[in-house]
N, C-alpha and C. Protein backbone atom coordinates (compact mmCIF):
# COMPACT_ATOMS: atom_id res chain seq x y z
N MET A 1 -16.69 0.23 -13.31
CA MET A 1 -15.62 0.28 -12.12
C MET A 1 -14.32 0.25 -12.35
N THR A 2 -13.64 1.06 -11.57
CA THR A 2 -12.05 1.07 -11.64
C THR A 2 -11.03 0.10 -11.58
N SER A 3 -10.57 0.07 -12.66
CA SER A 3 -9.21 -1.29 -12.31
C SER A 3 -8.41 -1.06 -11.05
N PRO A 4 -8.06 -2.21 -10.71
CA PRO A 4 -7.14 -2.13 -9.46
C PRO A 4 -6.19 -1.82 -9.94
N ILE A 5 -5.40 -1.47 -8.63
CA ILE A 5 -3.62 -1.01 -9.18
C ILE A 5 -3.02 -2.27 -9.38
N ARG A 6 -2.31 -2.66 -10.49
CA ARG A 6 -1.49 -3.64 -10.42
C ARG A 6 -0.23 -3.29 -9.98
N THR A 7 0.14 -4.18 -9.03
CA THR A 7 1.59 -3.49 -8.16
C THR A 7 2.41 -5.03 -8.29
N LEU A 8 3.76 -4.61 -8.58
CA LEU A 8 4.72 -5.39 -8.21
C LEU A 8 5.21 -5.31 -7.02
N ILE A 9 5.74 -6.47 -6.36
CA ILE A 9 6.69 -6.25 -4.86
C ILE A 9 8.13 -6.71 -5.54
N ALA A 10 9.27 -6.13 -5.34
CA ALA A 10 10.74 -6.69 -5.48
C ALA A 10 11.48 -6.43 -4.03
N ASP A 11 11.42 -7.34 -3.56
CA ASP A 11 12.59 -7.43 -2.28
C ASP A 11 13.39 -8.91 -1.94
N ASP A 12 14.22 -8.97 -1.32
CA ASP A 12 14.88 -10.53 -1.73
C ASP A 12 14.68 -11.03 -0.32
N GLU A 13 13.74 -10.72 0.98
CA GLU A 13 13.52 -11.20 1.56
C GLU A 13 11.92 -11.76 1.53
N TRP A 14 11.70 -13.06 1.66
CA TRP A 14 10.63 -13.59 1.13
C TRP A 14 9.41 -13.13 2.17
N MET A 15 9.60 -12.94 3.85
CA MET A 15 8.98 -12.41 4.82
C MET A 15 8.51 -10.69 4.07
N VAL A 16 9.43 -10.20 4.01
CA VAL A 16 8.91 -8.67 3.59
C VAL A 16 7.53 -8.79 2.51
N ARG A 17 8.17 -9.63 1.19
CA ARG A 17 7.59 -9.49 0.27
C ARG A 17 6.17 -10.30 0.54
N SER A 18 5.73 -11.25 2.02
CA SER A 18 4.26 -12.06 2.06
C SER A 18 3.73 -10.76 2.95
N MET A 19 4.53 -9.75 3.87
CA MET A 19 3.81 -8.98 4.63
C MET A 19 3.34 -7.96 3.72
N LEU A 20 4.25 -7.46 2.63
CA LEU A 20 3.52 -6.30 1.97
C LEU A 20 2.39 -6.71 0.99
N ARG A 21 2.21 -8.16 0.56
CA ARG A 21 1.40 -8.59 -0.44
C ARG A 21 0.15 -8.95 0.50
N ALA A 22 0.25 -9.21 1.85
CA ALA A 22 -0.79 -9.11 2.86
C ALA A 22 -1.41 -7.87 3.00
N ILE A 23 -0.98 -7.06 3.03
CA ILE A 23 -1.29 -5.63 3.28
C ILE A 23 -1.90 -4.91 2.31
N LEU A 24 -1.10 -5.26 1.02
CA LEU A 24 -1.47 -4.41 0.09
C LEU A 24 -2.99 -5.20 -0.88
N GLU A 25 -3.02 -6.40 -0.79
CA GLU A 25 -4.15 -7.17 -1.16
C GLU A 25 -5.49 -7.36 -0.22
N ALA A 26 -5.29 -6.56 1.04
CA ALA A 26 -6.29 -6.35 2.25
C ALA A 26 -7.50 -4.93 1.47
N ALA A 27 -6.48 -4.34 0.73
CA ALA A 27 -7.31 -3.36 0.42
C ALA A 27 -8.13 -3.37 -1.19
N PRO A 28 -9.02 -2.95 -1.43
CA PRO A 28 -10.20 -3.08 -2.47
C PRO A 28 -9.61 -2.68 -3.86
N ASP A 29 -8.89 -1.71 -3.76
CA ASP A 29 -8.29 -1.26 -5.01
C ASP A 29 -6.84 -1.45 -5.36
N ILE A 30 -6.46 -2.74 -4.90
CA ILE A 30 -4.64 -3.00 -5.07
C ILE A 30 -4.73 -4.57 -5.20
N THR A 31 -4.30 -5.14 -6.20
CA THR A 31 -3.95 -6.59 -6.76
C THR A 31 -2.66 -6.28 -6.87
N VAL A 32 -1.62 -7.36 -6.17
CA VAL A 32 -0.35 -7.91 -6.45
C VAL A 32 0.01 -8.89 -7.57
N THR A 33 0.37 -8.21 -8.75
CA THR A 33 0.91 -9.03 -9.77
C THR A 33 1.59 -9.99 -9.79
N GLY A 34 2.72 -9.50 -8.65
CA GLY A 34 3.96 -10.59 -8.97
C GLY A 34 4.92 -10.23 -7.78
N GLU A 35 5.73 -11.17 -7.75
CA GLU A 35 6.78 -10.90 -6.81
C GLU A 35 8.16 -11.08 -7.20
N ALA A 36 9.34 -10.48 -6.88
CA ALA A 36 10.49 -10.49 -7.48
C ALA A 36 11.42 -10.33 -6.39
N SER A 37 12.37 -11.43 -6.34
CA SER A 37 13.52 -11.49 -5.38
C SER A 37 14.81 -10.81 -5.50
N ASP A 38 14.95 -9.86 -6.81
CA ASP A 38 16.09 -9.56 -7.65
C ASP A 38 15.64 -8.23 -8.22
N GLY A 39 16.26 -7.51 -8.65
CA GLY A 39 16.57 -6.39 -9.50
C GLY A 39 16.24 -7.17 -10.91
N VAL A 40 16.66 -8.10 -11.45
CA VAL A 40 16.73 -8.51 -13.04
C VAL A 40 15.56 -9.26 -12.67
N GLU A 41 15.03 -9.83 -11.89
CA GLU A 41 13.63 -10.52 -12.15
C GLU A 41 12.67 -9.49 -12.03
N ALA A 42 12.83 -8.34 -11.23
CA ALA A 42 12.00 -7.41 -10.93
C ALA A 42 11.32 -6.68 -12.64
N VAL A 43 12.89 -6.55 -13.16
CA VAL A 43 12.54 -5.69 -14.52
C VAL A 43 11.98 -6.82 -15.55
N SER A 44 12.34 -8.34 -15.21
CA SER A 44 11.64 -9.15 -16.16
C SER A 44 10.20 -9.17 -16.05
N LEU A 45 9.66 -9.30 -14.95
CA LEU A 45 8.48 -9.40 -14.78
C LEU A 45 7.52 -7.88 -15.05
N ALA A 46 8.44 -7.12 -15.18
CA ALA A 46 7.63 -5.64 -15.38
C ALA A 46 7.31 -6.05 -16.62
N ARG A 47 8.20 -6.17 -17.55
CA ARG A 47 7.82 -6.48 -18.98
C ARG A 47 6.59 -7.14 -19.23
N THR A 48 6.23 -8.29 -18.68
CA THR A 48 5.10 -8.92 -19.22
C THR A 48 4.15 -8.87 -18.28
N LEU A 49 4.48 -8.56 -16.97
CA LEU A 49 3.05 -8.34 -16.40
C LEU A 49 2.12 -6.45 -16.44
N ARG A 50 3.46 -5.82 -16.82
CA ARG A 50 3.09 -4.48 -17.06
C ARG A 50 2.31 -3.79 -15.60
N PRO A 51 2.84 -3.80 -14.61
CA PRO A 51 2.06 -3.65 -13.43
C PRO A 51 2.52 -1.86 -13.51
N ASP A 52 1.35 -1.24 -12.68
CA ASP A 52 1.19 0.13 -12.35
C ASP A 52 2.23 0.87 -11.46
N VAL A 53 2.37 0.14 -10.52
CA VAL A 53 3.38 0.45 -9.18
C VAL A 53 4.31 -0.51 -8.98
N VAL A 54 5.36 -0.41 -8.60
CA VAL A 54 6.81 -1.16 -8.39
C VAL A 54 7.13 -0.82 -7.12
N LEU A 55 6.98 -1.54 -6.01
CA LEU A 55 7.69 -1.49 -4.45
C LEU A 55 9.46 -2.02 -4.69
N MET A 56 10.16 -1.11 -4.53
CA MET A 56 11.68 -1.63 -4.75
C MET A 56 12.28 -1.51 -3.98
N ASP A 57 12.59 -2.62 -3.18
CA ASP A 57 14.08 -2.53 -2.42
C ASP A 57 15.18 -1.91 -2.89
N ILE A 58 16.11 -1.43 -2.18
CA ILE A 58 17.29 -1.31 -2.91
C ILE A 58 18.06 -2.03 -2.90
N ARG A 59 18.61 -2.83 -1.88
CA ARG A 59 19.70 -3.64 -1.71
C ARG A 59 19.23 -5.04 -1.99
N MET A 60 19.49 -5.89 -3.04
CA MET A 60 19.37 -6.84 -3.55
C MET A 60 20.17 -7.67 -4.33
N PRO A 61 20.56 -9.10 -4.23
CA PRO A 61 21.34 -9.62 -4.92
C PRO A 61 21.02 -9.71 -6.40
N ARG A 62 21.87 -10.00 -7.29
CA ARG A 62 21.86 -10.19 -8.81
C ARG A 62 20.82 -9.16 -9.45
N GLY A 63 21.33 -7.65 -9.20
CA GLY A 63 20.56 -6.75 -9.63
C GLY A 63 19.89 -6.26 -8.89
N ASP A 64 20.76 -5.09 -8.20
CA ASP A 64 19.94 -3.97 -7.26
C ASP A 64 18.98 -3.32 -7.60
N GLY A 65 18.06 -2.87 -6.77
CA GLY A 65 17.12 -2.18 -7.04
C GLY A 65 17.27 -0.43 -7.70
N LEU A 66 18.61 0.23 -7.72
CA LEU A 66 18.55 0.91 -8.06
C LEU A 66 19.16 0.83 -9.47
N THR A 67 19.46 -0.06 -10.17
CA THR A 67 19.75 -0.03 -11.72
C THR A 67 18.35 -0.39 -12.13
N ALA A 68 17.75 -1.46 -11.41
CA ALA A 68 16.44 -2.01 -11.95
C ALA A 68 15.60 -0.51 -12.16
N THR A 69 15.62 0.57 -11.10
CA THR A 69 14.96 1.41 -11.14
C THR A 69 14.79 2.17 -12.77
N GLU A 70 16.18 2.31 -12.53
CA GLU A 70 16.75 3.15 -14.22
C GLU A 70 16.34 2.37 -15.42
N ARG A 71 16.42 0.97 -15.45
CA ARG A 71 15.82 0.17 -16.35
C ARG A 71 14.42 0.35 -16.73
N LEU A 72 13.26 0.37 -15.51
CA LEU A 72 12.18 0.22 -15.47
C LEU A 72 11.75 2.04 -16.13
N GLY A 73 12.71 2.50 -16.06
CA GLY A 73 12.01 4.03 -16.57
C GLY A 73 11.98 4.23 -18.26
N ARG A 74 12.85 2.98 -18.42
CA ARG A 74 12.80 2.70 -20.12
C ARG A 74 11.83 1.86 -21.05
N LEU A 75 10.71 1.53 -19.65
CA LEU A 75 9.76 0.64 -20.43
C LEU A 75 8.43 2.00 -21.13
N ASP A 76 7.77 1.26 -21.84
CA ASP A 76 6.87 1.80 -22.02
C ASP A 76 5.37 1.17 -22.17
N PRO A 77 4.32 1.24 -21.46
CA PRO A 77 4.53 2.32 -20.33
C PRO A 77 5.49 2.38 -19.22
N ARG A 78 6.07 3.39 -18.74
CA ARG A 78 7.07 2.73 -17.36
C ARG A 78 6.13 2.82 -16.39
N PRO A 79 6.22 1.75 -15.39
CA PRO A 79 5.50 1.89 -14.06
C PRO A 79 5.86 2.86 -13.31
N TYR A 80 5.63 3.12 -12.19
CA TYR A 80 5.72 4.28 -11.11
C TYR A 80 6.80 3.44 -10.09
N VAL A 81 7.97 4.00 -9.28
CA VAL A 81 8.78 3.29 -8.59
C VAL A 81 8.45 4.09 -7.47
N VAL A 82 8.19 3.31 -6.54
CA VAL A 82 8.28 3.71 -4.97
C VAL A 82 9.44 2.90 -3.96
N VAL A 83 10.11 3.38 -3.97
CA VAL A 83 11.76 2.72 -3.33
C VAL A 83 11.45 2.43 -1.64
N LEU A 84 11.18 0.97 -1.18
CA LEU A 84 11.64 0.67 -0.01
C LEU A 84 12.49 0.89 0.61
N THR A 85 12.77 1.55 2.01
CA THR A 85 14.12 2.26 2.21
C THR A 85 14.02 2.26 3.90
N THR A 86 15.25 1.88 4.31
CA THR A 86 15.33 2.29 5.69
C THR A 86 16.19 3.47 6.09
N PHE A 87 16.41 4.28 4.95
CA PHE A 87 17.16 5.36 5.05
C PHE A 87 18.12 5.51 5.85
N ASP A 88 19.40 4.00 5.71
CA ASP A 88 20.43 4.11 6.04
C ASP A 88 21.49 4.52 5.51
N LEU A 89 21.43 3.96 4.27
CA LEU A 89 22.52 4.39 3.02
C LEU A 89 22.03 5.72 2.40
N ASP A 90 22.67 7.13 2.36
CA ASP A 90 22.63 7.93 2.26
C ASP A 90 22.53 8.03 0.74
N GLU A 91 23.34 7.44 0.00
CA GLU A 91 23.73 7.84 -1.36
C GLU A 91 23.15 6.62 -2.14
N TYR A 92 22.72 5.73 -1.41
CA TYR A 92 21.75 4.91 -2.28
C TYR A 92 20.14 5.52 -2.83
N VAL A 93 19.81 6.43 -1.68
CA VAL A 93 18.18 7.34 -2.09
C VAL A 93 18.91 8.33 -2.83
N HIS A 94 19.62 8.73 -2.74
CA HIS A 94 20.04 9.60 -3.85
C HIS A 94 19.95 9.68 -5.21
N THR A 95 20.81 8.44 -5.24
CA THR A 95 20.86 7.49 -6.61
C THR A 95 19.36 7.33 -7.10
N ALA A 96 18.54 6.88 -6.28
CA ALA A 96 17.33 6.48 -6.79
C ALA A 96 16.46 7.27 -7.01
N LEU A 97 16.31 8.94 -6.73
CA LEU A 97 16.04 9.80 -6.99
C LEU A 97 16.24 10.19 -8.55
N ARG A 98 17.83 9.99 -8.58
CA ARG A 98 18.24 10.33 -10.22
C ARG A 98 17.62 9.40 -10.97
N ASN A 99 17.68 8.22 -10.64
CA ASN A 99 17.23 7.01 -11.49
C ASN A 99 15.51 7.10 -11.56
N GLY A 100 14.72 7.90 -11.06
CA GLY A 100 13.25 8.18 -11.67
C GLY A 100 12.40 7.46 -10.38
N ALA A 101 12.98 7.24 -9.58
CA ALA A 101 11.71 6.70 -8.35
C ALA A 101 11.04 7.81 -7.71
N VAL A 102 9.82 7.77 -8.02
CA VAL A 102 8.67 8.36 -7.83
C VAL A 102 8.29 8.89 -5.73
N GLY A 103 8.76 7.88 -5.17
CA GLY A 103 8.64 8.03 -3.60
C GLY A 103 9.30 7.34 -2.90
N PHE A 104 9.22 7.26 -1.65
CA PHE A 104 9.99 6.26 -0.72
C PHE A 104 8.97 6.06 0.33
N LEU A 105 9.25 4.69 0.59
CA LEU A 105 8.38 3.93 1.53
C LEU A 105 9.29 3.42 2.60
N LEU A 106 9.24 3.85 3.80
CA LEU A 106 9.90 3.33 4.93
C LEU A 106 9.80 2.17 5.39
N LYS A 107 10.25 1.08 5.53
CA LYS A 107 10.01 -0.36 5.90
C LYS A 107 9.64 -0.57 7.17
N ASP A 108 9.17 0.17 7.86
CA ASP A 108 8.65 0.35 9.14
C ASP A 108 7.38 0.96 9.54
N ALA A 109 6.87 1.56 8.25
CA ALA A 109 5.67 2.25 8.02
C ALA A 109 4.41 1.55 7.84
N SER A 110 3.64 2.48 8.58
CA SER A 110 2.34 1.55 9.07
C SER A 110 1.55 0.87 7.64
N ALA A 111 0.61 0.18 7.80
CA ALA A 111 -0.16 -0.67 6.72
C ALA A 111 -1.06 0.60 6.04
N GLY A 112 -1.02 1.46 6.64
CA GLY A 112 -2.15 2.45 6.21
C GLY A 112 -1.22 3.63 5.16
N ASP A 113 0.15 3.55 5.52
CA ASP A 113 0.87 4.40 4.81
C ASP A 113 1.21 3.56 3.79
N MET A 114 1.27 2.28 3.79
CA MET A 114 1.72 1.58 2.63
C MET A 114 0.94 1.56 1.15
N VAL A 115 -0.20 1.44 1.98
CA VAL A 115 -1.57 1.48 1.06
C VAL A 115 -1.64 3.19 0.08
N ALA A 116 -1.64 3.69 1.32
CA ALA A 116 -1.51 5.32 1.04
C ALA A 116 -0.30 5.41 -0.40
N ALA A 117 1.13 5.08 -0.04
CA ALA A 117 2.05 5.31 -1.04
C ALA A 117 1.68 4.78 -2.47
N VAL A 118 1.01 3.45 -2.54
CA VAL A 118 0.90 3.04 -3.99
C VAL A 118 -0.11 3.36 -4.62
N ARG A 119 -1.32 4.06 -3.71
CA ARG A 119 -2.45 5.02 -4.56
C ARG A 119 -1.90 6.08 -4.75
N SER A 120 -0.76 6.77 -4.29
CA SER A 120 -0.41 8.14 -4.57
C SER A 120 0.28 7.92 -5.83
N ALA A 121 1.24 6.81 -5.94
CA ALA A 121 1.86 6.83 -7.02
C ALA A 121 1.12 6.20 -8.42
N ALA A 122 0.33 5.82 -8.30
CA ALA A 122 -0.76 5.11 -9.02
C ALA A 122 -1.50 6.25 -9.58
N ARG A 123 -1.58 7.32 -9.28
CA ARG A 123 -2.50 8.50 -9.26
C ARG A 123 -1.43 9.25 -9.83
N GLY A 124 0.16 9.27 -9.99
CA GLY A 124 0.75 10.07 -10.51
C GLY A 124 1.03 11.08 -9.48
N ASP A 125 0.58 11.21 -8.26
CA ASP A 125 0.99 12.12 -7.07
C ASP A 125 2.01 11.85 -6.73
N ALA A 126 2.34 10.75 -6.20
CA ALA A 126 3.90 10.43 -5.87
C ALA A 126 4.23 11.21 -4.57
N MET A 127 3.14 11.55 -3.77
CA MET A 127 3.31 12.29 -2.40
C MET A 127 4.30 11.81 -1.70
N ILE A 128 5.46 12.43 -1.26
CA ILE A 128 6.33 11.87 0.28
C ILE A 128 5.22 12.55 1.44
N SER A 129 5.29 11.79 2.46
CA SER A 129 4.46 12.33 3.80
C SER A 129 5.57 13.48 4.26
N PRO A 130 5.11 14.90 4.92
CA PRO A 130 5.85 15.51 5.24
C PRO A 130 7.19 15.54 6.05
N ARG A 131 6.55 14.42 7.00
CA ARG A 131 7.65 13.43 7.80
C ARG A 131 8.77 12.95 7.11
N VAL A 132 8.29 12.48 5.97
CA VAL A 132 9.56 11.71 5.23
C VAL A 132 10.13 12.74 4.48
N THR A 133 9.66 13.69 3.95
CA THR A 133 10.04 14.73 3.13
C THR A 133 11.13 15.59 4.25
N ARG A 134 10.85 16.10 5.08
CA ARG A 134 11.79 16.65 5.77
C ARG A 134 12.93 16.05 6.07
N ARG A 135 12.71 14.76 6.51
CA ARG A 135 14.04 13.61 6.84
C ARG A 135 14.60 13.94 5.54
N LEU A 136 14.29 13.36 4.31
CA LEU A 136 14.76 13.53 2.86
C LEU A 136 15.73 14.50 2.59
N LEU A 137 15.12 15.72 2.72
CA LEU A 137 15.72 17.32 2.80
C LEU A 137 16.62 17.39 3.77
N ARG A 138 16.66 17.41 4.90
CA ARG A 138 17.59 17.46 5.74
C ARG A 138 18.96 16.59 5.48
N THR A 139 18.47 15.30 5.02
CA THR A 139 20.11 14.78 4.55
C THR A 139 20.45 14.62 3.73
N PHE A 140 19.79 14.99 2.30
CA PHE A 140 20.29 15.01 1.00
C PHE A 140 20.44 16.77 0.54
N VAL A 141 20.38 17.46 1.23
CA VAL A 141 20.38 18.76 0.33
C VAL A 141 21.38 19.47 1.41
N GLU A 142 22.34 19.73 0.89
CA GLU A 142 23.60 20.82 1.65
C GLU A 142 23.29 22.05 1.54
N PRO A 143 23.60 22.82 2.52
CA PRO A 143 22.98 24.56 2.33
C PRO A 143 24.61 24.86 1.73
N ARG A 144 24.45 25.22 0.20
CA ARG A 144 25.64 25.81 -0.59
C ARG A 144 25.36 26.76 -1.42
N SER A 145 25.78 28.45 -1.41
CA SER A 145 25.53 29.37 -1.70
C SER A 145 25.22 29.03 -3.44
N ASP A 146 26.51 28.53 -3.64
CA ASP A 146 26.41 28.21 -5.29
C ASP A 146 25.30 27.31 -5.62
N ARG A 147 24.60 26.33 -4.96
CA ARG A 147 23.46 25.58 -5.35
C ARG A 147 22.23 26.19 -5.12
N ARG A 148 22.35 27.28 -4.36
CA ARG A 148 21.13 28.01 -4.01
C ARG A 148 21.02 29.16 -5.15
N SER A 149 22.19 29.60 -5.86
CA SER A 149 21.90 30.52 -6.47
C SER A 149 21.49 29.73 -8.04
N ASP A 150 22.01 28.54 -8.29
CA ASP A 150 21.52 27.95 -9.56
C ASP A 150 19.74 27.47 -9.49
N ALA A 151 19.71 27.21 -8.54
CA ALA A 151 18.16 26.56 -8.13
C ALA A 151 17.23 28.12 -8.25
N VAL A 152 17.81 28.99 -7.81
CA VAL A 152 17.17 30.04 -8.01
C VAL A 152 16.72 30.54 -9.30
N LYS A 153 17.88 30.62 -9.95
CA LYS A 153 17.73 30.85 -11.54
C LYS A 153 16.73 29.93 -12.27
N ARG A 154 16.96 28.70 -12.02
CA ARG A 154 16.11 27.57 -12.34
C ARG A 154 14.51 27.82 -12.31
N LEU A 155 14.12 28.34 -11.01
CA LEU A 155 12.78 28.70 -10.61
C LEU A 155 12.56 30.15 -11.27
N ALA A 156 13.12 30.66 -12.05
CA ALA A 156 12.52 31.85 -12.54
C ALA A 156 11.68 31.58 -13.83
N VAL A 157 11.75 30.39 -14.30
CA VAL A 157 10.57 30.19 -15.54
C VAL A 157 9.12 30.12 -14.95
N LEU A 158 9.21 30.05 -13.79
CA LEU A 158 7.68 29.72 -13.04
C LEU A 158 7.11 30.93 -12.80
N THR A 159 5.82 30.68 -13.13
CA THR A 159 5.07 31.89 -12.58
C THR A 159 5.08 32.18 -11.05
N ASP A 160 4.18 32.84 -10.80
CA ASP A 160 4.10 33.28 -9.11
C ASP A 160 3.46 32.28 -8.86
N LYS A 161 2.15 31.84 -9.53
CA LYS A 161 0.86 30.77 -8.87
C LYS A 161 1.91 29.57 -8.89
N GLU A 162 2.72 29.03 -10.15
CA GLU A 162 3.50 28.01 -9.88
C GLU A 162 4.31 27.83 -8.52
N GLN A 163 5.19 28.96 -8.42
CA GLN A 163 6.08 28.87 -7.21
C GLN A 163 5.50 28.73 -5.84
N GLU A 164 3.97 29.22 -5.78
CA GLU A 164 3.18 28.78 -4.60
C GLU A 164 2.94 27.36 -4.67
N VAL A 165 2.84 27.01 -5.84
CA VAL A 165 2.22 25.12 -5.67
C VAL A 165 3.30 24.96 -5.68
N LEU A 166 4.96 25.27 -5.96
CA LEU A 166 5.85 24.42 -5.95
C LEU A 166 6.39 24.50 -4.32
N LEU A 167 6.03 25.29 -3.76
CA LEU A 167 6.14 25.52 -2.38
C LEU A 167 5.30 24.60 -1.63
N ALA A 168 4.05 24.33 -1.94
CA ALA A 168 3.17 23.64 -1.40
C ALA A 168 3.79 22.29 -1.67
N VAL A 169 4.30 21.84 -2.50
CA VAL A 169 4.89 20.31 -2.85
C VAL A 169 6.18 20.20 -2.46
N GLY A 170 6.71 21.16 -2.27
CA GLY A 170 8.14 21.04 -1.23
C GLY A 170 7.63 20.76 0.36
N GLY A 171 6.51 21.39 0.95
CA GLY A 171 5.79 20.90 2.17
C GLY A 171 5.18 19.51 1.92
N GLY A 172 5.39 18.62 1.30
CA GLY A 172 4.72 17.21 1.15
C GLY A 172 3.31 17.05 0.70
N LEU A 173 2.71 18.33 -0.02
CA LEU A 173 1.15 18.02 0.33
C LEU A 173 0.61 17.54 -0.88
N SER A 174 -0.27 16.77 -1.01
CA SER A 174 -0.87 16.13 -2.41
C SER A 174 -1.93 17.02 -2.96
N ASN A 175 -1.90 16.79 -4.07
CA ASN A 175 -2.91 17.61 -5.16
C ASN A 175 -4.16 18.38 -4.33
N ALA A 176 -4.48 16.87 -3.73
CA ALA A 176 -5.95 17.62 -3.09
C ALA A 176 -5.88 18.95 -1.86
N GLU A 177 -4.66 18.46 -1.45
CA GLU A 177 -4.28 19.08 -0.12
C GLU A 177 -3.55 20.61 -0.81
N ILE A 178 -3.24 20.65 -1.95
CA ILE A 178 -2.74 21.88 -2.90
C ILE A 178 -3.74 22.74 -3.06
N ALA A 179 -5.20 22.02 -3.51
CA ALA A 179 -6.15 22.84 -4.16
C ALA A 179 -7.08 23.34 -2.75
N THR A 180 -6.85 22.59 -1.73
CA THR A 180 -7.72 22.93 -0.55
C THR A 180 -6.84 24.35 -0.23
N THR A 181 -5.56 24.39 -0.28
CA THR A 181 -4.67 25.17 0.73
C THR A 181 -4.66 26.78 -0.37
N LEU A 182 -4.57 26.15 -1.58
CA LEU A 182 -4.60 27.40 -2.73
C LEU A 182 -5.77 27.72 -3.15
N PHE A 183 -7.00 27.17 -2.66
CA PHE A 183 -8.26 27.55 -3.28
C PHE A 183 -8.44 27.37 -4.93
N MET A 184 -7.74 26.16 -5.07
CA MET A 184 -8.33 26.06 -6.89
C MET A 184 -9.12 24.39 -6.45
N SER A 185 -9.17 23.87 -7.97
CA SER A 185 -9.33 22.59 -8.12
C SER A 185 -8.30 21.60 -7.87
N GLU A 186 -8.69 20.30 -7.58
CA GLU A 186 -7.59 19.53 -7.74
C GLU A 186 -7.01 19.50 -9.29
N ALA A 187 -7.93 19.12 -10.33
CA ALA A 187 -7.51 19.11 -11.53
C ALA A 187 -6.32 20.25 -11.68
N THR A 188 -6.68 21.54 -11.59
CA THR A 188 -5.70 22.61 -11.64
C THR A 188 -4.43 22.34 -11.00
N ALA A 189 -4.41 21.86 -9.92
CA ALA A 189 -3.24 21.73 -8.85
C ALA A 189 -2.39 20.59 -9.84
N LYS A 190 -3.46 19.62 -10.07
CA LYS A 190 -2.19 18.62 -10.96
C LYS A 190 -1.99 19.36 -12.17
N THR A 191 -2.72 20.10 -13.06
CA THR A 191 -2.13 20.59 -14.20
C THR A 191 -1.01 21.42 -13.93
N HIS A 192 -1.10 22.62 -12.62
CA HIS A 192 0.24 23.16 -12.20
C HIS A 192 1.32 22.18 -11.60
N VAL A 193 1.30 21.04 -10.96
CA VAL A 193 2.21 20.59 -10.85
C VAL A 193 3.13 19.90 -12.03
N SER A 194 2.10 19.33 -13.22
CA SER A 194 2.83 18.52 -14.06
C SER A 194 3.53 19.68 -14.99
N ARG A 195 2.75 20.68 -15.20
CA ARG A 195 3.52 22.12 -15.91
C ARG A 195 5.00 22.38 -15.12
N ILE A 196 5.17 22.10 -13.88
CA ILE A 196 6.19 22.45 -13.23
C ILE A 196 7.45 21.82 -13.57
N LEU A 197 6.94 20.51 -13.33
CA LEU A 197 7.75 19.68 -13.76
C LEU A 197 8.21 19.66 -15.07
N ALA A 198 7.58 20.02 -15.91
CA ALA A 198 7.80 20.15 -17.33
C ALA A 198 9.13 21.22 -17.76
N LYS A 199 8.64 22.26 -17.37
CA LYS A 199 9.03 23.66 -17.12
C LYS A 199 10.94 23.19 -16.54
N LEU A 200 10.77 22.77 -15.08
CA LEU A 200 12.12 22.54 -14.44
C LEU A 200 12.74 21.16 -15.24
N ASP A 201 12.40 20.38 -16.22
CA ASP A 201 13.18 19.12 -16.74
C ASP A 201 13.01 18.40 -15.61
N LEU A 202 12.31 18.06 -14.50
CA LEU A 202 12.29 17.02 -13.47
C LEU A 202 11.45 15.90 -13.79
N ASN A 203 11.61 14.62 -13.00
CA ASN A 203 10.94 13.48 -12.94
C ASN A 203 9.41 13.28 -12.13
N ASN A 204 10.15 13.66 -11.03
CA ASN A 204 8.86 13.66 -9.95
C ASN A 204 8.65 14.69 -8.93
N ARG A 205 7.89 14.75 -8.41
CA ARG A 205 7.45 15.91 -7.00
C ARG A 205 8.79 15.91 -5.91
N VAL A 206 9.73 14.54 -5.70
CA VAL A 206 10.71 14.56 -4.67
C VAL A 206 11.78 15.42 -5.54
N GLN A 207 11.91 15.42 -6.73
CA GLN A 207 13.06 16.50 -7.16
C GLN A 207 12.29 17.86 -6.89
N ALA A 208 11.25 18.01 -7.38
CA ALA A 208 10.81 19.28 -7.09
C ALA A 208 10.94 19.75 -5.62
N ALA A 209 10.59 19.07 -4.93
CA ALA A 209 10.79 19.65 -3.43
C ALA A 209 12.42 20.15 -2.97
N ILE A 210 13.44 19.12 -3.47
CA ILE A 210 14.78 18.91 -3.23
C ILE A 210 14.91 20.55 -3.80
N LEU A 211 14.74 20.73 -4.93
CA LEU A 211 15.29 22.23 -5.71
C LEU A 211 14.60 23.31 -5.22
N ALA A 212 13.05 23.16 -4.58
CA ALA A 212 12.73 24.29 -3.66
C ALA A 212 13.40 24.88 -2.59
N HIS A 213 13.55 23.36 -1.81
CA HIS A 213 14.75 23.65 -0.63
C HIS A 213 15.85 24.33 -0.97
N GLN A 214 16.67 24.00 -2.27
CA GLN A 214 17.93 24.73 -2.42
C GLN A 214 17.70 25.71 -2.43
N ALA A 215 16.63 26.27 -3.53
CA ALA A 215 16.29 27.51 -3.52
C ALA A 215 16.01 28.79 -2.51
N GLY A 216 15.78 27.78 -1.18
CA GLY A 216 15.42 28.48 -0.06
C GLY A 216 14.06 29.05 0.07
N LEU A 217 13.14 28.45 -0.51
CA LEU A 217 11.62 28.72 -0.32
C LEU A 217 11.22 27.95 0.65
N LEU A 218 11.46 27.08 1.32
CA LEU A 218 11.41 26.01 2.08
C LEU A 218 12.25 26.59 3.58
N ASP A 219 13.06 27.67 3.84
CA ASP A 219 13.81 27.86 5.00
C ASP A 219 12.95 28.97 5.83
């Protein structure tokens, strides 16, 4: 039997933590190992509880989620961080990306989306839904010719097949969906995604999607 996905919730509002715990623990394959009310506590608990996934709020007292996300990236093994956001502070979300967050979960997301986000992160898939991906790209990627030129140069190291996979990642597809679309096994799709991230020196699929957009692949 597969071990449940160990999840840590970090949010300064106890009602939000209680809601998230109730939703996640209703899923048979997820267990909430702890709750943190700020970033400092989140990092401390992650060291001892060793969660697979951390749901991280951005704005919290005594240690914000951005700093905590960066610090969690230094742990071994490092947990996957999914940022809880309302998308109302653009620069915060952008910083979370740079600090290693692998996904974003809107606070008004459905219970099903919340469970799916945790499962995706635990698989290392960390897919963002197409709706959120489009919103993220529209918000954070400015159309600049110099940026497009640099992005195109970076993508030159990819094979034709890897560029196809990158296009699918940019569209918000999961590994399973990429496999179906491009007629390959899910394991092959996952391997392609891993190679793309390694070749481009990226931390996650969100950064890959942004680079694909900057290069004009999603136009």
